[in-house]
């Protein structure tokens, strides 16, 4: 009877380790979306620059398709995060629209764009837990900016 307890304890430890390791795996695989981005003009890729596709209808269409394939699982279909576990990406830079001075507004939008791109490329890790996987090397710069263009477009305009 006393030998059964250590065996039982080892089994519980093994199950606990298995569960803990499963929790450390990202929730979904980071696969590139199956979208045709050939209509988008190539980007020279300077970091720290504003979104070059802002208000571009082609980019918005491509961005919507890429978003719904790669981002919607966490951020909601068509960027509607009302029932999603991840933040509402439509809020990034929203306050820039209220800035009356044009140069300051442009700087605000550039800061929001740089933050968006950096977050998408590097992901988010808080307290050692991955909250968002890094997409660098999976999403091209063109797709990141197309997704940004879609996300910052008022809902309904791109539908």
N, C-alpha and C. Protein backbone atom coordinates (compact mmCIF):
# COMPACT_ATOMS: atom_id res chain seq x y z
N UNK A 1 0.82 -1.18 0.00
CA UNK A 1 0.00 0.00 0.00
C UNK A 1 0.86 1.25 0.00
N UNK A 2 1.96 1.27 0.74
CA UNK A 2 2.81 2.45 0.81
C UNK A 2 3.55 2.68 -0.50
N UNK A 3 3.79 1.62 -1.31
CA UNK A 3 4.46 1.79 -2.59
C UNK A 3 3.52 2.38 -3.63
N UNK A 4 2.23 2.22 -3.46
CA UNK A 4 1.27 2.75 -4.42
C UNK A 4 1.24 4.28 -4.37
N UNK A 5 1.45 4.85 -3.20
CA UNK A 5 1.40 6.31 -3.06
C UNK A 5 2.51 7.00 -3.85
N UNK A 6 3.78 6.58 -3.77
CA UNK A 6 4.81 7.25 -4.57
C UNK A 6 4.52 7.14 -6.07
N UNK A 7 4.02 5.98 -6.50
CA UNK A 7 3.70 5.81 -7.92
C UNK A 7 2.58 6.78 -8.32
N UNK A 8 1.58 6.91 -7.45
CA UNK A 8 0.46 7.82 -7.69
C UNK A 8 0.96 9.27 -7.72
N UNK A 9 1.86 9.61 -6.83
CA UNK A 9 2.40 10.97 -6.78
C UNK A 9 3.20 11.28 -8.04
N UNK A 10 3.98 10.32 -8.52
CA UNK A 10 4.75 10.53 -9.75
C UNK A 10 3.83 10.73 -10.94
N UNK A 11 2.76 9.98 -10.96
CA UNK A 11 1.80 10.12 -12.06
C UNK A 11 1.16 11.51 -12.03
N UNK A 12 0.80 11.99 -10.85
CA UNK A 12 0.21 13.33 -10.73
C UNK A 12 1.21 14.41 -11.15
N UNK A 13 2.46 14.24 -10.77
CA UNK A 13 3.50 15.20 -11.16
C UNK A 13 3.66 15.20 -12.68
N UNK A 14 3.69 14.02 -13.27
CA UNK A 14 3.83 13.92 -14.73
C UNK A 14 2.65 14.59 -15.44
N UNK A 15 1.45 14.37 -14.95
CA UNK A 15 0.27 15.00 -15.55
C UNK A 15 0.34 16.51 -15.38
N UNK A 16 0.76 16.96 -14.21
CA UNK A 16 0.90 18.40 -13.97
C UNK A 16 1.91 19.04 -14.90
N UNK A 17 3.04 18.38 -15.11
CA UNK A 17 4.06 18.90 -16.03
C UNK A 17 3.55 18.94 -17.46
N UNK A 18 2.80 17.92 -17.84
CA UNK A 18 2.22 17.88 -19.18
C UNK A 18 1.25 19.04 -19.39
N UNK A 19 0.41 19.29 -18.42
CA UNK A 19 -0.55 20.39 -18.51
C UNK A 19 0.18 21.73 -18.54
N UNK A 20 1.18 21.89 -17.69
CA UNK A 20 1.95 23.14 -17.65
C UNK A 20 2.65 23.40 -18.98
N UNK A 21 3.22 22.37 -19.58
CA UNK A 21 3.90 22.57 -20.86
C UNK A 21 2.91 22.89 -21.96
N UNK A 22 1.71 22.33 -21.90
CA UNK A 22 0.69 22.63 -22.91
C UNK A 22 0.23 24.08 -22.80
N UNK A 23 0.21 24.62 -21.60
CA UNK A 23 -0.20 26.01 -21.41
C UNK A 23 0.83 26.99 -21.95
N UNK A 24 2.06 26.56 -22.09
CA UNK A 24 3.12 27.44 -22.58
C UNK A 24 3.14 27.50 -24.11
N UNK A 25 2.43 26.63 -24.79
CA UNK A 25 2.39 26.62 -26.25
C UNK A 25 1.42 27.70 -26.70
N UNK A 26 1.76 28.49 -27.73
CA UNK A 26 0.83 29.50 -28.23
C UNK A 26 -0.51 28.88 -28.59
N UNK A 27 -1.56 29.69 -28.48
CA UNK A 27 -2.92 29.20 -28.69
C UNK A 27 -3.16 28.73 -30.12
N UNK A 28 -2.49 29.33 -31.08
CA UNK A 28 -2.67 28.90 -32.46
C UNK A 28 -1.36 29.11 -33.21
N UNK A 29 -1.23 28.40 -34.28
CA UNK A 29 -0.01 28.51 -35.07
C UNK A 29 0.00 29.83 -35.82
N UNK A 30 1.17 30.40 -35.95
CA UNK A 30 1.30 31.65 -36.70
C UNK A 30 1.66 31.31 -38.14
N UNK A 31 0.64 31.14 -38.95
CA UNK A 31 0.80 30.80 -40.36
C UNK A 31 0.52 32.03 -41.21
N UNK A 32 1.23 32.17 -42.32
CA UNK A 32 0.95 33.32 -43.18
C UNK A 32 -0.44 33.18 -43.81
N UNK A 33 -1.14 34.30 -43.96
CA UNK A 33 -2.46 34.23 -44.58
C UNK A 33 -2.34 33.91 -46.07
N UNK A 34 -3.38 33.30 -46.59
CA UNK A 34 -3.43 32.96 -48.01
C UNK A 34 -4.16 34.08 -48.74
N UNK A 35 -3.45 35.19 -48.96
CA UNK A 35 -4.02 36.34 -49.65
C UNK A 35 -3.08 36.79 -50.76
N UNK A 36 -3.66 37.37 -51.79
CA UNK A 36 -2.86 37.89 -52.90
C UNK A 36 -2.55 39.36 -52.61
N UNK A 37 -1.31 39.64 -52.29
CA UNK A 37 -0.91 41.01 -52.00
C UNK A 37 -0.15 41.64 -53.16
N UNK A 38 -0.21 41.02 -54.34
CA UNK A 38 0.56 41.51 -55.49
C UNK A 38 0.08 42.88 -55.98
N UNK A 39 -1.14 43.27 -55.67
CA UNK A 39 -1.65 44.59 -56.08
C UNK A 39 -1.08 45.72 -55.23
N UNK A 40 -0.44 45.37 -54.12
CA UNK A 40 0.12 46.39 -53.24
C UNK A 40 1.50 46.83 -53.74
N UNK A 41 1.76 48.13 -53.76
CA UNK A 41 3.10 48.57 -54.15
C UNK A 41 4.13 48.11 -53.14
N UNK A 42 5.33 47.72 -53.60
CA UNK A 42 6.37 47.30 -52.67
C UNK A 42 6.79 48.45 -51.75
N UNK A 43 7.23 48.08 -50.57
CA UNK A 43 7.65 49.07 -49.57
C UNK A 43 9.15 48.96 -49.39
N UNK A 44 9.82 50.11 -49.33
CA UNK A 44 11.27 50.14 -49.14
C UNK A 44 11.65 49.67 -47.73
N UNK A 45 10.68 49.63 -46.83
CA UNK A 45 10.84 49.08 -45.48
C UNK A 45 11.62 49.96 -44.50
N UNK A 46 11.46 51.27 -44.54
CA UNK A 46 12.11 52.06 -43.49
C UNK A 46 11.31 51.97 -42.20
N UNK A 47 12.01 51.67 -41.13
CA UNK A 47 11.32 51.60 -39.83
C UNK A 47 11.09 53.01 -39.32
N UNK A 48 10.08 53.18 -38.51
CA UNK A 48 9.78 54.48 -37.94
C UNK A 48 9.00 55.38 -38.87
N UNK A 49 8.50 54.84 -39.97
CA UNK A 49 7.75 55.62 -40.94
C UNK A 49 6.25 55.36 -40.76
N UNK A 50 5.42 56.31 -41.21
CA UNK A 50 3.97 56.09 -41.12
C UNK A 50 3.50 55.06 -42.14
N UNK A 51 2.28 54.60 -41.94
CA UNK A 51 1.66 53.62 -42.82
C UNK A 51 1.56 54.18 -44.24
N UNK A 52 2.27 53.59 -45.19
CA UNK A 52 2.24 54.10 -46.56
C UNK A 52 0.95 53.76 -47.31
N UNK A 53 0.13 52.88 -46.77
CA UNK A 53 -1.10 52.46 -47.44
C UNK A 53 -2.36 53.09 -46.85
N UNK A 54 -2.21 54.05 -45.96
CA UNK A 54 -3.37 54.64 -45.29
C UNK A 54 -4.40 55.09 -46.34
N UNK A 55 -5.63 54.66 -46.15
CA UNK A 55 -6.78 55.01 -47.01
C UNK A 55 -6.70 54.43 -48.42
N UNK A 56 -5.80 53.49 -48.67
CA UNK A 56 -5.69 52.86 -49.99
C UNK A 56 -6.72 51.72 -50.06
N UNK A 57 -7.72 51.81 -50.95
CA UNK A 57 -8.78 50.79 -51.01
C UNK A 57 -8.25 49.38 -51.27
N UNK A 58 -7.22 49.25 -52.11
CA UNK A 58 -6.65 47.91 -52.38
C UNK A 58 -6.03 47.35 -51.10
N UNK A 59 -5.29 48.18 -50.38
CA UNK A 59 -4.65 47.73 -49.15
C UNK A 59 -5.69 47.35 -48.10
N UNK A 60 -6.77 48.10 -48.04
CA UNK A 60 -7.83 47.81 -47.07
C UNK A 60 -8.47 46.46 -47.37
N UNK A 61 -8.71 46.17 -48.64
CA UNK A 61 -9.29 44.88 -49.03
C UNK A 61 -8.34 43.73 -48.69
N UNK A 62 -7.07 43.88 -49.05
CA UNK A 62 -6.06 42.84 -48.74
C UNK A 62 -5.91 42.71 -47.23
N UNK A 63 -5.87 43.84 -46.53
CA UNK A 63 -5.72 43.84 -45.08
C UNK A 63 -6.86 43.15 -44.37
N UNK A 64 -8.07 43.37 -44.86
CA UNK A 64 -9.24 42.70 -44.25
C UNK A 64 -9.12 41.19 -44.38
N UNK A 65 -8.75 40.72 -45.58
CA UNK A 65 -8.61 39.27 -45.80
C UNK A 65 -7.49 38.70 -44.92
N UNK A 66 -6.36 39.39 -44.86
CA UNK A 66 -5.23 38.92 -44.04
C UNK A 66 -5.60 38.94 -42.57
N UNK A 67 -6.26 40.01 -42.12
CA UNK A 67 -6.68 40.12 -40.72
C UNK A 67 -7.59 38.96 -40.34
N UNK A 68 -8.60 38.71 -41.16
CA UNK A 68 -9.57 37.66 -40.82
C UNK A 68 -8.96 36.27 -40.83
N UNK A 69 -7.86 36.08 -41.56
CA UNK A 69 -7.19 34.78 -41.55
C UNK A 69 -6.18 34.66 -40.41
N UNK A 70 -5.49 35.73 -40.08
CA UNK A 70 -4.38 35.63 -39.13
C UNK A 70 -4.64 36.26 -37.77
N UNK A 71 -5.53 37.22 -37.69
CA UNK A 71 -5.69 37.99 -36.45
C UNK A 71 -7.04 37.79 -35.76
N UNK A 72 -8.05 37.40 -36.54
CA UNK A 72 -9.42 37.37 -36.02
C UNK A 72 -9.63 36.37 -34.89
N UNK A 73 -8.83 35.32 -34.83
CA UNK A 73 -9.01 34.33 -33.76
C UNK A 73 -8.88 34.98 -32.39
N UNK A 74 -8.04 35.99 -32.29
CA UNK A 74 -7.84 36.68 -31.01
C UNK A 74 -8.48 38.07 -30.97
N UNK A 75 -8.50 38.77 -32.11
CA UNK A 75 -8.94 40.16 -32.14
C UNK A 75 -10.33 40.34 -32.75
N UNK A 76 -11.01 39.26 -33.11
CA UNK A 76 -12.38 39.34 -33.60
C UNK A 76 -12.49 39.48 -35.11
N UNK A 77 -13.52 38.85 -35.67
CA UNK A 77 -13.80 38.94 -37.11
C UNK A 77 -14.00 40.41 -37.48
N UNK A 78 -13.38 40.83 -38.57
CA UNK A 78 -13.46 42.21 -39.06
C UNK A 78 -13.06 43.22 -37.98
N UNK A 79 -12.15 42.83 -37.11
CA UNK A 79 -11.60 43.68 -36.05
C UNK A 79 -12.62 44.06 -34.99
N UNK A 80 -13.73 43.34 -34.92
CA UNK A 80 -14.72 43.58 -33.86
C UNK A 80 -14.31 42.76 -32.65
N UNK A 81 -13.63 43.40 -31.73
CA UNK A 81 -13.08 42.69 -30.57
C UNK A 81 -14.05 42.67 -29.39
N UNK A 82 -15.32 42.97 -29.62
CA UNK A 82 -16.27 43.04 -28.51
C UNK A 82 -16.42 41.72 -27.76
N UNK A 83 -16.20 40.59 -28.43
CA UNK A 83 -16.31 39.29 -27.76
C UNK A 83 -15.01 38.50 -27.90
N UNK A 84 -13.91 39.21 -27.93
CA UNK A 84 -12.61 38.56 -28.16
C UNK A 84 -11.69 38.73 -26.97
N UNK A 85 -10.75 37.80 -26.80
CA UNK A 85 -9.85 37.87 -25.65
C UNK A 85 -8.76 38.93 -25.77
N UNK A 86 -8.46 39.38 -26.97
CA UNK A 86 -7.36 40.32 -27.19
C UNK A 86 -7.89 41.75 -27.33
N UNK A 87 -7.01 42.73 -27.21
CA UNK A 87 -7.43 44.14 -27.29
C UNK A 87 -8.04 44.51 -28.64
N UNK A 88 -8.84 45.55 -28.60
CA UNK A 88 -9.47 46.11 -29.80
C UNK A 88 -8.42 46.95 -30.52
N UNK A 89 -7.94 46.47 -31.65
CA UNK A 89 -6.88 47.15 -32.39
C UNK A 89 -7.36 48.45 -33.03
N UNK A 90 -8.66 48.64 -33.13
CA UNK A 90 -9.19 49.87 -33.69
C UNK A 90 -8.91 51.07 -32.79
N UNK A 91 -8.57 50.81 -31.54
CA UNK A 91 -8.29 51.90 -30.60
C UNK A 91 -6.88 52.48 -30.74
N UNK A 92 -5.99 51.74 -31.38
CA UNK A 92 -4.61 52.23 -31.52
C UNK A 92 -4.63 53.45 -32.43
N UNK A 93 -4.26 54.58 -31.89
CA UNK A 93 -4.20 55.82 -32.66
C UNK A 93 -5.53 56.52 -32.84
N UNK A 94 -6.58 56.02 -32.23
CA UNK A 94 -7.90 56.63 -32.40
C UNK A 94 -7.90 58.09 -31.93
N UNK A 95 -7.19 58.36 -30.85
CA UNK A 95 -7.17 59.73 -30.32
C UNK A 95 -6.46 60.71 -31.25
N UNK A 96 -5.66 60.21 -32.18
CA UNK A 96 -4.97 61.10 -33.13
C UNK A 96 -5.96 61.87 -33.99
N UNK A 97 -7.11 61.29 -34.23
CA UNK A 97 -8.12 61.95 -35.05
C UNK A 97 -8.66 63.22 -34.42
N UNK A 98 -8.50 63.36 -33.11
CA UNK A 98 -9.00 64.55 -32.42
C UNK A 98 -7.95 65.65 -32.30
N UNK A 99 -6.75 65.41 -32.80
CA UNK A 99 -5.69 66.42 -32.72
C UNK A 99 -5.92 67.43 -33.83
N UNK A 100 -6.12 68.72 -33.49
CA UNK A 100 -6.46 69.71 -34.52
C UNK A 100 -5.26 70.17 -35.37
N UNK A 101 -4.09 70.20 -34.81
CA UNK A 101 -2.92 70.72 -35.52
C UNK A 101 -2.37 69.66 -36.47
N UNK A 102 -2.31 69.92 -37.79
CA UNK A 102 -1.96 68.89 -38.78
C UNK A 102 -0.61 68.21 -38.54
N UNK A 103 0.43 68.97 -38.22
CA UNK A 103 1.75 68.36 -38.03
C UNK A 103 1.76 67.45 -36.80
N UNK A 104 1.14 67.90 -35.74
CA UNK A 104 1.06 67.10 -34.52
C UNK A 104 0.21 65.85 -34.75
N UNK A 105 -0.85 66.00 -35.53
CA UNK A 105 -1.71 64.85 -35.86
C UNK A 105 -0.91 63.81 -36.65
N UNK A 106 -0.11 64.26 -37.62
CA UNK A 106 0.74 63.35 -38.40
C UNK A 106 1.73 62.62 -37.51
N UNK A 107 2.34 63.34 -36.57
CA UNK A 107 3.30 62.71 -35.65
C UNK A 107 2.60 61.69 -34.76
N UNK A 108 1.40 62.01 -34.32
CA UNK A 108 0.62 61.08 -33.49
C UNK A 108 0.32 59.80 -34.28
N UNK A 109 -0.11 59.96 -35.54
CA UNK A 109 -0.40 58.79 -36.37
C UNK A 109 0.86 57.96 -36.64
N UNK A 110 1.98 58.64 -36.86
CA UNK A 110 3.24 57.93 -37.08
C UNK A 110 3.62 57.13 -35.84
N UNK A 111 3.48 57.73 -34.65
CA UNK A 111 3.77 56.99 -33.41
C UNK A 111 2.88 55.77 -33.28
N UNK A 112 1.59 55.92 -33.58
CA UNK A 112 0.66 54.79 -33.50
C UNK A 112 1.03 53.72 -34.52
N UNK A 113 1.43 54.14 -35.72
CA UNK A 113 1.85 53.19 -36.76
C UNK A 113 3.09 52.41 -36.34
N UNK A 114 4.07 53.13 -35.80
CA UNK A 114 5.32 52.47 -35.37
C UNK A 114 5.02 51.47 -34.26
N UNK A 115 4.15 51.86 -33.32
CA UNK A 115 3.76 50.96 -32.23
C UNK A 115 3.07 49.71 -32.79
N UNK A 116 2.14 49.90 -33.73
CA UNK A 116 1.41 48.78 -34.32
C UNK A 116 2.38 47.82 -35.00
N UNK A 117 3.23 48.35 -35.87
CA UNK A 117 4.16 47.49 -36.61
C UNK A 117 5.10 46.75 -35.67
N UNK A 118 5.64 47.46 -34.69
CA UNK A 118 6.57 46.83 -33.74
C UNK A 118 5.88 45.71 -32.96
N UNK A 119 4.66 45.96 -32.54
CA UNK A 119 3.92 44.96 -31.78
C UNK A 119 3.62 43.73 -32.63
N UNK A 120 3.22 43.94 -33.88
CA UNK A 120 2.94 42.81 -34.77
C UNK A 120 4.21 42.01 -35.02
N UNK A 121 5.30 42.69 -35.31
CA UNK A 121 6.55 41.99 -35.63
C UNK A 121 7.14 41.27 -34.42
N UNK A 122 7.11 41.91 -33.25
CA UNK A 122 7.78 41.34 -32.07
C UNK A 122 6.85 40.56 -31.15
N UNK A 123 5.55 40.76 -31.28
CA UNK A 123 4.61 40.09 -30.40
C UNK A 123 4.56 40.77 -29.04
N UNK A 124 3.85 40.17 -28.12
CA UNK A 124 3.70 40.70 -26.76
C UNK A 124 3.95 39.60 -25.75
N UNK A 125 4.90 39.84 -24.87
CA UNK A 125 5.16 38.92 -23.76
C UNK A 125 5.08 39.74 -22.48
N UNK A 126 4.23 39.31 -21.57
CA UNK A 126 4.08 39.99 -20.28
C UNK A 126 4.27 38.96 -19.18
N UNK A 127 5.15 39.27 -18.26
CA UNK A 127 5.46 38.39 -17.14
C UNK A 127 5.81 36.99 -17.61
N UNK A 128 6.51 36.92 -18.73
CA UNK A 128 6.96 35.64 -19.26
C UNK A 128 5.90 34.85 -20.01
N UNK A 129 4.72 35.42 -20.18
CA UNK A 129 3.63 34.73 -20.87
C UNK A 129 3.40 35.41 -22.22
N UNK A 130 3.38 34.61 -23.28
CA UNK A 130 3.16 35.15 -24.61
C UNK A 130 1.68 35.47 -24.79
N UNK A 131 1.40 36.76 -24.93
CA UNK A 131 0.02 37.20 -25.16
C UNK A 131 -0.28 37.35 -26.64
N UNK A 132 0.78 37.57 -27.42
CA UNK A 132 0.64 37.66 -28.88
C UNK A 132 1.92 37.13 -29.50
N UNK A 133 1.80 36.24 -30.47
CA UNK A 133 3.02 35.70 -31.09
C UNK A 133 3.68 36.74 -31.99
N UNK A 134 4.99 36.64 -32.17
CA UNK A 134 5.66 37.54 -33.12
C UNK A 134 5.36 37.09 -34.55
N UNK A 135 5.10 38.05 -35.42
CA UNK A 135 4.76 37.76 -36.80
C UNK A 135 5.87 38.13 -37.78
N UNK A 136 7.00 38.61 -37.25
CA UNK A 136 8.12 38.96 -38.13
C UNK A 136 8.59 37.72 -38.87
N UNK A 137 8.78 37.84 -40.17
CA UNK A 137 9.18 36.70 -40.98
C UNK A 137 8.00 35.87 -41.45
N UNK A 138 6.82 36.13 -40.92
CA UNK A 138 5.60 35.42 -41.33
C UNK A 138 4.72 36.35 -42.16
N UNK A 139 4.52 37.56 -41.64
CA UNK A 139 3.78 38.58 -42.38
C UNK A 139 4.79 39.54 -43.01
N UNK A 140 4.62 39.81 -44.28
CA UNK A 140 5.48 40.80 -44.94
C UNK A 140 5.15 42.19 -44.42
N UNK A 141 6.06 43.11 -44.63
CA UNK A 141 5.81 44.50 -44.25
C UNK A 141 4.56 45.02 -44.97
N UNK A 142 4.39 44.63 -46.22
CA UNK A 142 3.21 45.05 -46.98
C UNK A 142 1.92 44.55 -46.32
N UNK A 143 1.92 43.30 -45.87
CA UNK A 143 0.71 42.78 -45.21
C UNK A 143 0.47 43.44 -43.86
N UNK A 144 1.53 43.73 -43.12
CA UNK A 144 1.35 44.41 -41.83
C UNK A 144 0.69 45.76 -42.05
N UNK A 145 1.17 46.52 -43.04
CA UNK A 145 0.58 47.83 -43.31
C UNK A 145 -0.82 47.71 -43.89
N UNK A 146 -1.07 46.69 -44.68
CA UNK A 146 -2.43 46.48 -45.21
C UNK A 146 -3.39 46.17 -44.06
N UNK A 147 -2.95 45.35 -43.12
CA UNK A 147 -3.78 45.04 -41.94
C UNK A 147 -4.03 46.31 -41.14
N UNK A 148 -2.99 47.11 -40.95
CA UNK A 148 -3.14 48.38 -40.23
C UNK A 148 -4.15 49.27 -40.95
N UNK A 149 -4.06 49.34 -42.27
CA UNK A 149 -4.99 50.17 -43.06
C UNK A 149 -6.42 49.70 -42.86
N UNK A 150 -6.63 48.38 -42.86
CA UNK A 150 -7.97 47.85 -42.62
C UNK A 150 -8.45 48.18 -41.21
N UNK A 151 -7.60 47.94 -40.23
CA UNK A 151 -8.00 48.12 -38.83
C UNK A 151 -8.39 49.57 -38.55
N UNK A 152 -7.68 50.52 -39.14
CA UNK A 152 -7.99 51.93 -38.85
C UNK A 152 -9.09 52.49 -39.74
N UNK A 153 -9.65 51.67 -40.62
CA UNK A 153 -10.74 52.10 -41.48
C UNK A 153 -12.06 51.98 -40.71
N UNK A 154 -12.91 52.99 -40.78
CA UNK A 154 -14.20 52.87 -40.10
C UNK A 154 -14.94 51.62 -40.60
N UNK A 155 -15.50 50.87 -39.68
CA UNK A 155 -16.21 49.64 -40.05
C UNK A 155 -17.34 49.96 -41.02
N UNK A 156 -17.48 49.11 -42.00
CA UNK A 156 -18.52 49.30 -43.00
C UNK A 156 -17.98 49.89 -44.28
N UNK A 157 -16.95 50.71 -44.18
CA UNK A 157 -16.38 51.32 -45.38
C UNK A 157 -15.65 50.29 -46.23
N UNK A 158 -15.06 49.29 -45.57
CA UNK A 158 -14.29 48.29 -46.31
C UNK A 158 -15.13 47.07 -46.69
N UNK A 159 -16.38 47.05 -46.31
CA UNK A 159 -17.22 45.88 -46.58
C UNK A 159 -17.93 46.00 -47.90
